[in-house]
Amino acid sequence: MLTHIKSIKMNQERQQYDIVVRDLAKRYAYNDISEHIVNVMISVMMHRDGVQIGGGFVEAICNNNLDEACSRADDECIKYLRLFSLVKRFGHLNI
C-alpha cells in the first residue's frame, strides 16, 4: 500500500515537471522536441532537486561538466545541450 502511494505521488510530481519542461522548451523556441528529450529534461530537474538520481549524462549536466556531458550524450541529446543547461538553470516547479 505504501509503495503504491509513493508511486502515485512520484507520478504526480513527474507530471508537474513535464509541464514545466515543455513550457520552458517553448519559451526558448524548441517547438518540436521528442519524448526522449522531454524525459531527459525532467530527469535533469529531478536530479538537481534531489527527487531522483539521474544517469551519468544527467549528472554531468547538473555538475556543469561539458566534457563529460559531450562524451556521454547520445546522438539526439548532443543536439540539445543548450536546452538541458537552460532547464537546469531556469526550470523550477512553482510550488
PDB file of N, CA and C in Angstrom:
ATOM      1  N   MET A   1       0.824  -1.199   0.000  1.00  0.00           N
ATOM      2  CA  MET A   1       0.000   0.000   0.000  1.00  0.00           C
ATOM      3  C   MET A   1       0.866   1.260   0.000  1.00  0.00           C
ATOM      4  N   LEU A   2       1.887   1.301   0.870  1.00  0.00           N
ATOM      5  CA  LEU A   2       2.769   2.462   0.956  1.00  0.00           C
ATOM      6  C   LEU A   2       3.528   2.657  -0.357  1.00  0.00           C
ATOM      7  N   THR A   3       3.962   1.558  -0.958  1.00  0.00           N
ATOM      8  CA  THR A   3       4.658   1.633  -2.238  1.00  0.00           C
ATOM      9  C   THR A   3       3.746   2.209  -3.314  1.00  0.00           C
ATOM     10  N   HIS A   4       2.491   1.814  -3.312  1.00  0.00           N
ATOM     11  CA  HIS A   4       1.515   2.327  -4.272  1.00  0.00           C
ATOM     12  C   HIS A   4       1.312   3.833  -4.090  1.00  0.00           C
ATOM     13  N   ILE A   5       1.217   4.283  -2.866  1.00  0.00           N
ATOM     14  CA  ILE A   5       1.042   5.711  -2.567  1.00  0.00           C
ATOM     15  C   ILE A   5       2.266   6.501  -3.038  1.00  0.00           C
ATOM     16  N   LYS A   6       3.466   5.968  -2.780  1.00  0.00           N
ATOM     17  CA  LYS A   6       4.692   6.632  -3.236  1.00  0.00           C
ATOM     18  C   LYS A   6       4.731   6.714  -4.753  1.00  0.00           C
ATOM     19  N   SER A   7       4.276   5.656  -5.416  1.00  0.00           N
ATOM     20  CA  SER A   7       4.244   5.624  -6.876  1.00  0.00           C
ATOM     21  C   SER A   7       3.295   6.684  -7.421  1.00  0.00           C
ATOM     22  N   ILE A   8       2.144   6.837  -6.812  1.00  0.00           N
ATOM     23  CA  ILE A   8       1.171   7.855  -7.229  1.00  0.00           C
ATOM     24  C   ILE A   8       1.760   9.251  -7.035  1.00  0.00           C
ATOM     25  N   LYS A   9       2.392   9.477  -5.889  1.00  0.00           N
ATOM     26  CA  LYS A   9       3.000  10.780  -5.595  1.00  0.00           C
ATOM     27  C   LYS A   9       4.104  11.105  -6.605  1.00  0.00           C
ATOM     28  N   MET A  10       4.950  10.112  -6.926  1.00  0.00           N
ATOM     29  CA  MET A  10       6.031  10.311  -7.887  1.00  0.00           C
ATOM     30  C   MET A  10       5.463  10.621  -9.267  1.00  0.00           C
ATOM     31  N   ASN A  11       4.378   9.967  -9.651  1.00  0.00           N
ATOM     32  CA  ASN A  11       3.750  10.217 -10.947  1.00  0.00           C
ATOM     33  C   ASN A  11       3.183  11.634 -11.009  1.00  0.00           C
ATOM     34  N   GLN A  12       2.575  12.090  -9.934  1.00  0.00           N
ATOM     35  CA  GLN A  12       2.035  13.447  -9.892  1.00  0.00           C
ATOM     36  C   GLN A  12       3.162  14.478  -9.976  1.00  0.00           C
ATOM     37  N   GLU A  13       4.267  14.225  -9.261  1.00  0.00           N
ATOM     38  CA  GLU A  13       5.422  15.121  -9.326  1.00  0.00           C
ATOM     39  C   GLU A  13       5.970  15.167 -10.740  1.00  0.00           C
ATOM     40  N   ARG A  14       6.100  14.001 -11.355  1.00  0.00           N
ATOM     41  CA  ARG A  14       6.638  13.906 -12.710  1.00  0.00           C
ATOM     42  C   ARG A  14       5.761  14.697 -13.692  1.00  0.00           C
ATOM     43  N   GLN A  15       4.452  14.658 -13.503  1.00  0.00           N
ATOM     44  CA  GLN A  15       3.549  15.419 -14.369  1.00  0.00           C
ATOM     45  C   GLN A  15       3.790  16.918 -14.213  1.00  0.00           C
ATOM     46  N   GLN A  16       4.069  17.360 -12.995  1.00  0.00           N
ATOM     47  CA  GLN A  16       4.363  18.775 -12.773  1.00  0.00           C
ATOM     48  C   GLN A  16       5.659  19.166 -13.483  1.00  0.00           C
ATOM     49  N   TYR A  17       6.674  18.315 -13.368  1.00  0.00           N
ATOM     50  CA  TYR A  17       7.928  18.572 -14.063  1.00  0.00           C
ATOM     51  C   TYR A  17       7.709  18.599 -15.576  1.00  0.00           C
ATOM     52  N   ASP A  18       6.891  17.706 -16.078  1.00  0.00           N
ATOM     53  CA  ASP A  18       6.601  17.623 -17.510  1.00  0.00           C
ATOM     54  C   ASP A  18       6.036  18.949 -18.020  1.00  0.00           C
ATOM     55  N   ILE A  19       5.111  19.518 -17.295  1.00  0.00           N
ATOM     56  CA  ILE A  19       4.516  20.805 -17.683  1.00  0.00           C
ATOM     57  C   ILE A  19       5.578  21.895 -17.735  1.00  0.00           C
ATOM     58  N   VAL A  20       6.432  21.931 -16.725  1.00  0.00           N
ATOM     59  CA  VAL A  20       7.481  22.956 -16.647  1.00  0.00           C
ATOM     60  C   VAL A  20       8.460  22.821 -17.812  1.00  0.00           C
ATOM     61  N   VAL A  21       8.929  21.602 -18.100  1.00  0.00           N
ATOM     62  CA  VAL A  21       9.938  21.458 -19.157  1.00  0.00           C
ATOM     63  C   VAL A  21       9.370  21.761 -20.536  1.00  0.00           C
ATOM     64  N   ARG A  22       8.131  21.377 -20.779  1.00  0.00           N
ATOM     65  CA  ARG A  22       7.529  21.671 -22.085  1.00  0.00           C
ATOM     66  C   ARG A  22       7.328  23.176 -22.270  1.00  0.00           C
ATOM     67  N   ASP A  23       6.927  23.854 -21.200  1.00  0.00           N
ATOM     68  CA  ASP A  23       6.759  25.305 -21.264  1.00  0.00           C
ATOM     69  C   ASP A  23       8.105  25.993 -21.497  1.00  0.00           C
ATOM     70  N   LEU A  24       9.124  25.568 -20.781  1.00  0.00           N
ATOM     71  CA  LEU A  24      10.446  26.167 -20.938  1.00  0.00           C
ATOM     72  C   LEU A  24      10.965  25.948 -22.361  1.00  0.00           C
ATOM     73  N   ALA A  25      10.797  24.751 -22.883  1.00  0.00           N
ATOM     74  CA  ALA A  25      11.246  24.462 -24.249  1.00  0.00           C
ATOM     75  C   ALA A  25      10.562  25.399 -25.242  1.00  0.00           C
ATOM     76  N   LYS A  26       9.277  25.611 -25.091  1.00  0.00           N
ATOM     77  CA  LYS A  26       8.543  26.510 -25.993  1.00  0.00           C
ATOM     78  C   LYS A  26       9.026  27.950 -25.867  1.00  0.00           C
ATOM     79  N   ARG A  27       9.285  28.380 -24.629  1.00  0.00           N
ATOM     80  CA  ARG A  27       9.756  29.759 -24.422  1.00  0.00           C
ATOM     81  C   ARG A  27      11.085  30.015 -25.117  1.00  0.00           C
ATOM     82  N   TYR A  28      11.903  28.982 -25.253  1.00  0.00           N
ATOM     83  CA  TYR A  28      13.195  29.124 -25.911  1.00  0.00           C
ATOM     84  C   TYR A  28      13.159  28.613 -27.359  1.00  0.00           C
ATOM     85  N   ALA A  29      11.970  28.522 -27.939  1.00  0.00           N
ATOM     86  CA  ALA A  29      11.744  28.185 -29.350  1.00  0.00           C
ATOM     87  C   ALA A  29      12.179  26.775 -29.730  1.00  0.00           C
ATOM     88  N   TYR A  30      12.117  25.857 -28.782  1.00  0.00           N
ATOM     89  CA  TYR A  30      12.295  24.434 -29.079  1.00  0.00           C
ATOM     90  C   TYR A  30      10.887  23.857 -29.171  1.00  0.00           C
ATOM     91  N   ASN A  31      10.323  23.922 -30.357  1.00  0.00           N
ATOM     92  CA  ASN A  31       8.908  23.597 -30.518  1.00  0.00           C
ATOM     93  C   ASN A  31       8.621  22.144 -30.845  1.00  0.00           C
ATOM     94  N   ASP A  32       9.598  21.414 -31.314  1.00  0.00           N
ATOM     95  CA  ASP A  32       9.346  20.047 -31.756  1.00  0.00           C
ATOM     96  C   ASP A  32      10.354  19.089 -31.128  1.00  0.00           C
ATOM     97  N   ILE A  33      10.286  18.912 -29.821  1.00  0.00           N
ATOM     98  CA  ILE A  33      11.228  18.021 -29.146  1.00  0.00           C
ATOM     99  C   ILE A  33      10.577  16.661 -28.912  1.00  0.00           C
ATOM    100  N   SER A  34      11.390  15.645 -28.925  1.00  0.00           N
ATOM    101  CA  SER A  34      10.894  14.281 -28.758  1.00  0.00           C
ATOM    102  C   SER A  34      10.601  13.979 -27.280  1.00  0.00           C
ATOM    103  N   GLU A  35       9.890  12.897 -27.053  1.00  0.00           N
ATOM    104  CA  GLU A  35       9.615  12.456 -25.683  1.00  0.00           C
ATOM    105  C   GLU A  35      10.913  12.105 -24.957  1.00  0.00           C
ATOM    106  N   HIS A  36      11.888  11.605 -25.702  1.00  0.00           N
ATOM    107  CA  HIS A  36      13.197  11.289 -25.108  1.00  0.00           C
ATOM    108  C   HIS A  36      13.821  12.544 -24.504  1.00  0.00           C
ATOM    109  N   ILE A  37      13.796  13.638 -25.245  1.00  0.00           N
ATOM    110  CA  ILE A  37      14.383  14.895 -24.755  1.00  0.00           C
ATOM    111  C   ILE A  37      13.571  15.428 -23.581  1.00  0.00           C
ATOM    112  N   VAL A  38      12.252  15.335 -23.653  1.00  0.00           N
ATOM    113  CA  VAL A  38      11.404  15.744 -22.523  1.00  0.00           C
ATOM    114  C   VAL A  38      11.777  14.945 -21.282  1.00  0.00           C
ATOM    115  N   ASN A  39      11.937  13.633 -21.431  1.00  0.00           N
ATOM    116  CA  ASN A  39      12.283  12.787 -20.282  1.00  0.00           C
ATOM    117  C   ASN A  39      13.654  13.115 -19.710  1.00  0.00           C
ATOM    118  N   VAL A  40      14.608  13.447 -20.569  1.00  0.00           N
ATOM    119  CA  VAL A  40      15.933  13.836 -20.078  1.00  0.00           C
ATOM    120  C   VAL A  40      15.841  15.166 -19.332  1.00  0.00           C
ATOM    121  N   MET A  41      15.064  16.097 -19.862  1.00  0.00           N
ATOM    122  CA  MET A  41      14.893  17.389 -19.186  1.00  0.00           C
ATOM    123  C   MET A  41      14.269  17.190 -17.799  1.00  0.00           C
ATOM    124  N   ILE A  42      13.264  16.336 -17.724  1.00  0.00           N
ATOM    125  CA  ILE A  42      12.638  16.028 -16.435  1.00  0.00           C
ATOM    126  C   ILE A  42      13.660  15.413 -15.493  1.00  0.00           C
ATOM    127  N   SER A  43      14.452  14.505 -16.010  1.00  0.00           N
ATOM    128  CA  SER A  43      15.480  13.855 -15.197  1.00  0.00           C
ATOM    129  C   SER A  43      16.500  14.864 -14.675  1.00  0.00           C
ATOM    130  N   VAL A  44      16.870  15.828 -15.509  1.00  0.00           N
ATOM    131  CA  VAL A  44      17.804  16.881 -15.083  1.00  0.00           C
ATOM    132  C   VAL A  44      17.224  17.643 -13.895  1.00  0.00           C
ATOM    133  N   MET A  45      15.973  18.061 -14.017  1.00  0.00           N
ATOM    134  CA  MET A  45      15.352  18.815 -12.927  1.00  0.00           C
ATOM    135  C   MET A  45      15.212  17.970 -11.657  1.00  0.00           C
ATOM    136  N   MET A  46      14.769  16.727 -11.822  1.00  0.00           N
ATOM    137  CA  MET A  46      14.559  15.874 -10.653  1.00  0.00           C
ATOM    138  C   MET A  46      15.877  15.528  -9.974  1.00  0.00           C
ATOM    139  N   HIS A  47      16.934  15.337 -10.764  1.00  0.00           N
ATOM    140  CA  HIS A  47      18.260  15.085 -10.190  1.00  0.00           C
ATOM    141  C   HIS A  47      18.745  16.324  -9.434  1.00  0.00           C
ATOM    142  N   ARG A  48      18.624  17.471 -10.074  1.00  0.00           N
ATOM    143  CA  ARG A  48      19.044  18.730  -9.453  1.00  0.00           C
ATOM    144  C   ARG A  48      18.291  18.985  -8.146  1.00  0.00           C
ATOM    145  N   ASP A  49      17.003  18.635  -8.119  1.00  0.00           N
ATOM    146  CA  ASP A  49      16.165  18.877  -6.947  1.00  0.00           C
ATOM    147  C   ASP A  49      16.270  17.773  -5.894  1.00  0.00           C
ATOM    148  N   GLY A  50      17.053  16.735  -6.171  1.00  0.00           N
ATOM    149  CA  GLY A  50      17.225  15.654  -5.208  1.00  0.00           C
ATOM    150  C   GLY A  50      16.034  14.718  -5.106  1.00  0.00           C
ATOM    151  N   VAL A  51      15.186  14.696  -6.131  1.00  0.00           N
ATOM    152  CA  VAL A  51      13.999  13.849  -6.129  1.00  0.00           C
ATOM    153  C   VAL A  51      14.362  12.427  -6.547  1.00  0.00           C
ATOM    154  N   GLN A  52      15.222  12.312  -7.560  1.00  0.00           N
ATOM    155  CA  GLN A  52      15.694  11.002  -8.006  1.00  0.00           C
ATOM    156  C   GLN A  52      17.078  11.180  -8.612  1.00  0.00           C
ATOM    157  N   ILE A  53      17.830  10.122  -8.653  1.00  0.00           N
ATOM    158  CA  ILE A  53      19.183  10.170  -9.189  1.00  0.00           C
ATOM    159  C   ILE A  53      19.135   9.917 -10.692  1.00  0.00           C
ATOM    160  N   GLY A  54      19.780  10.777 -11.447  1.00  0.00           N
ATOM    161  CA  GLY A  54      19.848  10.612 -12.893  1.00  0.00           C
ATOM    162  C   GLY A  54      21.067   9.787 -13.283  1.00  0.00           C
ATOM    163  N   GLY A  55      21.168   9.460 -14.552  1.00  0.00           N
ATOM    164  CA  GLY A  55      22.312   8.708 -15.060  1.00  0.00           C
ATOM    165  C   GLY A  55      23.537   9.595 -15.229  1.00  0.00           C
ATOM    166  N   GLY A  56      24.574   9.028 -15.828  1.00  0.00           N
ATOM    167  CA  GLY A  56      25.844   9.733 -15.989  1.00  0.00           C
ATOM    168  C   GLY A  56      25.732  11.006 -16.803  1.00  0.00           C
ATOM    169  N   PHE A  57      24.936  10.972 -17.868  1.00  0.00           N
ATOM    170  CA  PHE A  57      24.760  12.171 -18.684  1.00  0.00           C
ATOM    171  C   PHE A  57      24.075  13.273 -17.884  1.00  0.00           C
ATOM    172  N   VAL A  58      23.007  12.925 -17.213  1.00  0.00           N
ATOM    173  CA  VAL A  58      22.256  13.898 -16.403  1.00  0.00           C
ATOM    174  C   VAL A  58      23.134  14.453 -15.291  1.00  0.00           C
ATOM    175  N   GLU A  59      23.890  13.595 -14.663  1.00  0.00           N
ATOM    176  CA  GLU A  59      24.800  14.046 -13.605  1.00  0.00           C
ATOM    177  C   GLU A  59      25.825  15.035 -14.156  1.00  0.00           C
ATOM    178  N   ALA A  60      26.356  14.763 -15.344  1.00  0.00           N
ATOM    179  CA  ALA A  60      27.320  15.675 -15.965  1.00  0.00           C
ATOM    180  C   ALA A  60      26.679  17.032 -16.255  1.00  0.00           C
ATOM    181  N   ILE A  61      25.445  17.030 -16.753  1.00  0.00           N
ATOM    182  CA  ILE A  61      24.730  18.291 -16.999  1.00  0.00           C
ATOM    183  C   ILE A  61      24.573  19.059 -15.685  1.00  0.00           C
ATOM    184  N   CYS A  62      24.117  18.369 -14.652  1.00  0.00           N
ATOM    185  CA  CYS A  62      23.873  19.029 -13.361  1.00  0.00           C
ATOM    186  C   CYS A  62      25.160  19.520 -12.704  1.00  0.00           C
ATOM    187  N   ASN A  63      26.272  18.848 -13.004  1.00  0.00           N
ATOM    188  CA  ASN A  63      27.567  19.270 -12.459  1.00  0.00           C
ATOM    189  C   ASN A  63      28.278  20.278 -13.350  1.00  0.00           C
ATOM    190  N   ASN A  64      27.597  20.701 -14.412  1.00  0.00           N
ATOM    191  CA  ASN A  64      28.149  21.677 -15.345  1.00  0.00           C
ATOM    192  C   ASN A  64      29.474  21.189 -15.944  1.00  0.00           C
ATOM    193  N   ASN A  65      29.526  19.905 -16.267  1.00  0.00           N
ATOM    194  CA  ASN A  65      30.731  19.298 -16.815  1.00  0.00           C
ATOM    195  C   ASN A  65      30.511  19.022 -18.309  1.00  0.00           C
ATOM    196  N   LEU A  66      30.867  20.000 -19.134  1.00  0.00           N
ATOM    197  CA  LEU A  66      30.633  19.909 -20.567  1.00  0.00           C
ATOM    198  C   LEU A  66      31.364  18.733 -21.195  1.00  0.00           C
ATOM    199  N   ASP A  67      32.603  18.526 -20.836  1.00  0.00           N
ATOM    200  CA  ASP A  67      33.388  17.433 -21.401  1.00  0.00           C
ATOM    201  C   ASP A  67      32.716  16.088 -21.139  1.00  0.00           C
ATOM    202  N   GLU A  68      32.302  15.863 -19.915  1.00  0.00           N
ATOM    203  CA  GLU A  68      31.651  14.611 -19.547  1.00  0.00           C
ATOM    204  C   GLU A  68      30.278  14.491 -20.213  1.00  0.00           C
ATOM    205  N   ALA A  69      29.526  15.574 -20.270  1.00  0.00           N
ATOM    206  CA  ALA A  69      28.209  15.544 -20.915  1.00  0.00           C
ATOM    207  C   ALA A  69      28.342  15.198 -22.396  1.00  0.00           C
ATOM    208  N   CYS A  70      29.302  15.808 -23.076  1.00  0.00           N
ATOM    209  CA  CYS A  70      29.500  15.522 -24.502  1.00  0.00           C
ATOM    210  C   CYS A  70      29.898  14.075 -24.728  1.00  0.00           C
ATOM    211  N   SER A  71      30.730  13.545 -23.861  1.00  0.00           N
ATOM    212  CA  SER A  71      31.183  12.168 -24.064  1.00  0.00           C
ATOM    213  C   SER A  71      30.099  11.150 -23.733  1.00  0.00           C
ATOM    214  N   ARG A  72      29.107  11.525 -22.922  1.00  0.00           N
ATOM    215  CA  ARG A  72      28.038  10.608 -22.533  1.00  0.00           C
ATOM    216  C   ARG A  72      26.747  10.797 -23.339  1.00  0.00           C
ATOM    217  N   ALA A  73      26.653  11.877 -24.096  1.00  0.00           N
ATOM    218  CA  ALA A  73      25.418  12.195 -24.832  1.00  0.00           C
ATOM    219  C   ALA A  73      25.180  11.210 -25.969  1.00  0.00           C
ATOM    220  N   ASP A  74      23.915  10.849 -26.159  1.00  0.00           N
ATOM    221  CA  ASP A  74      23.564  10.054 -27.340  1.00  0.00           C
ATOM    222  C   ASP A  74      23.411  11.007 -28.530  1.00  0.00           C
ATOM    223  N   ASP A  75      23.123  10.454 -29.699  1.00  0.00           N
ATOM    224  CA  ASP A  75      23.062  11.259 -30.918  1.00  0.00           C
ATOM    225  C   ASP A  75      22.013  12.364 -30.865  1.00  0.00           C
ATOM    226  N   GLU A  76      20.951  12.151 -30.129  1.00  0.00           N
ATOM    227  CA  GLU A  76      19.909  13.172 -30.025  1.00  0.00           C
ATOM    228  C   GLU A  76      20.233  14.195 -28.940  1.00  0.00           C
ATOM    229  N   CYS A  77      20.689  13.726 -27.791  1.00  0.00           N
ATOM    230  CA  CYS A  77      20.964  14.640 -26.671  1.00  0.00           C
ATOM    231  C   CYS A  77      22.067  15.640 -26.990  1.00  0.00           C
ATOM    232  N   ILE A  78      23.043  15.233 -27.780  1.00  0.00           N
ATOM    233  CA  ILE A  78      24.145  16.147 -28.097  1.00  0.00           C
ATOM    234  C   ILE A  78      23.628  17.428 -28.757  1.00  0.00           C
ATOM    235  N   LYS A  79      22.513  17.337 -29.448  1.00  0.00           N
ATOM    236  CA  LYS A  79      21.935  18.492 -30.149  1.00  0.00           C
ATOM    237  C   LYS A  79      21.204  19.450 -29.204  1.00  0.00           C
ATOM    238  N   TYR A  80      20.961  19.012 -27.982  1.00  0.00           N
ATOM    239  CA  TYR A  80      20.141  19.798 -27.057  1.00  0.00           C
ATOM    240  C   TYR A  80      20.882  20.206 -25.787  1.00  0.00           C
ATOM    241  N   LEU A  81      22.195  20.273 -25.842  1.00  0.00           N
ATOM    242  CA  LEU A  81      22.965  20.635 -24.648  1.00  0.00           C
ATOM    243  C   LEU A  81      22.545  21.997 -24.095  1.00  0.00           C
ATOM    244  N   ARG A  82      22.306  22.957 -24.976  1.00  0.00           N
ATOM    245  CA  ARG A  82      21.866  24.287 -24.522  1.00  0.00           C
ATOM    246  C   ARG A  82      20.535  24.189 -23.779  1.00  0.00           C
ATOM    247  N   LEU A  83      19.602  23.429 -24.316  1.00  0.00           N
ATOM    248  CA  LEU A  83      18.293  23.278 -23.676  1.00  0.00           C
ATOM    249  C   LEU A  83      18.421  22.626 -22.305  1.00  0.00           C
ATOM    250  N   PHE A  84      19.265  21.619 -22.186  1.00  0.00           N
ATOM    251  CA  PHE A  84      19.459  20.969 -20.885  1.00  0.00           C
ATOM    252  C   PHE A  84      20.067  21.942 -19.873  1.00  0.00           C
ATOM    253  N   SER A  85      20.975  22.769 -20.345  1.00  0.00           N
ATOM    254  CA  SER A  85      21.566  23.778 -19.465  1.00  0.00           C
ATOM    255  C   SER A  85      20.508  24.792 -19.019  1.00  0.00           C
ATOM    256  N   LEU A  86      19.648  25.189 -19.942  1.00  0.00           N
ATOM    257  CA  LEU A  86      18.583  26.142 -19.609  1.00  0.00           C
ATOM    258  C   LEU A  86      17.607  25.555 -18.589  1.00  0.00           C
ATOM    259  N   VAL A  87      17.221  24.291 -18.790  1.00  0.00           N
ATOM    260  CA  VAL A  87      16.263  23.683 -17.861  1.00  0.00           C
ATOM    261  C   VAL A  87      16.889  23.490 -16.487  1.00  0.00           C
ATOM    262  N   LYS A  88      18.178  23.182 -16.462  1.00  0.00           N
ATOM    263  CA  LYS A  88      18.857  23.044 -15.164  1.00  0.00           C
ATOM    264  C   LYS A  88      18.852  24.380 -14.413  1.00  0.00           C
ATOM    265  N   ARG A  89      19.064  25.440 -15.143  1.00  0.00           N
ATOM    266  CA  ARG A  89      19.185  26.755 -14.511  1.00  0.00           C
ATOM    267  C   ARG A  89      17.838  27.419 -14.234  1.00  0.00           C
ATOM    268  N   PHE A  90      16.897  27.302 -15.185  1.00  0.00           N
ATOM    269  CA  PHE A  90      15.670  28.086 -15.090  1.00  0.00           C
ATOM    270  C   PHE A  90      14.399  27.264 -14.895  1.00  0.00           C
ATOM    271  N   GLY A  91      14.476  25.958 -15.007  1.00  0.00           N
ATOM    272  CA  GLY A  91      13.282  25.133 -14.850  1.00  0.00           C
ATOM    273  C   GLY A  91      13.007  24.829 -13.388  1.00  0.00           C
ATOM    274  N   HIS A  92      11.967  25.415 -12.858  1.00  0.00           N
ATOM    275  CA  HIS A  92      11.626  25.207 -11.444  1.00  0.00           C
ATOM    276  C   HIS A  92      10.128  25.015 -11.283  1.00  0.00           C
ATOM    277  N   LEU A  93       9.777  24.134 -10.372  1.00  0.00           N
ATOM    278  CA  LEU A  93       8.366  23.963 -10.042  1.00  0.00           C
ATOM    279  C   LEU A  93       7.903  25.169  -9.245  1.00  0.00           C
ATOM    280  N   ASN A  94       6.706  25.607  -9.503  1.00  0.00           N
ATOM    281  CA  ASN A  94       6.123  26.725  -8.750  1.00  0.00           C
ATOM    282  C   ASN A  94       5.234  26.181  -7.650  1.00  0.00           C
ATOM    283  N   ILE A  95       5.873  25.652  -6.630  1.00  0.00           N
ATOM    284  CA  ILE A  95       5.123  25.049  -5.523  1.00  0.00           C
ATOM    285  C   ILE A  95       5.026  26.020  -4.372  1.00  0.00           C
TER     286      ILE A  95
END
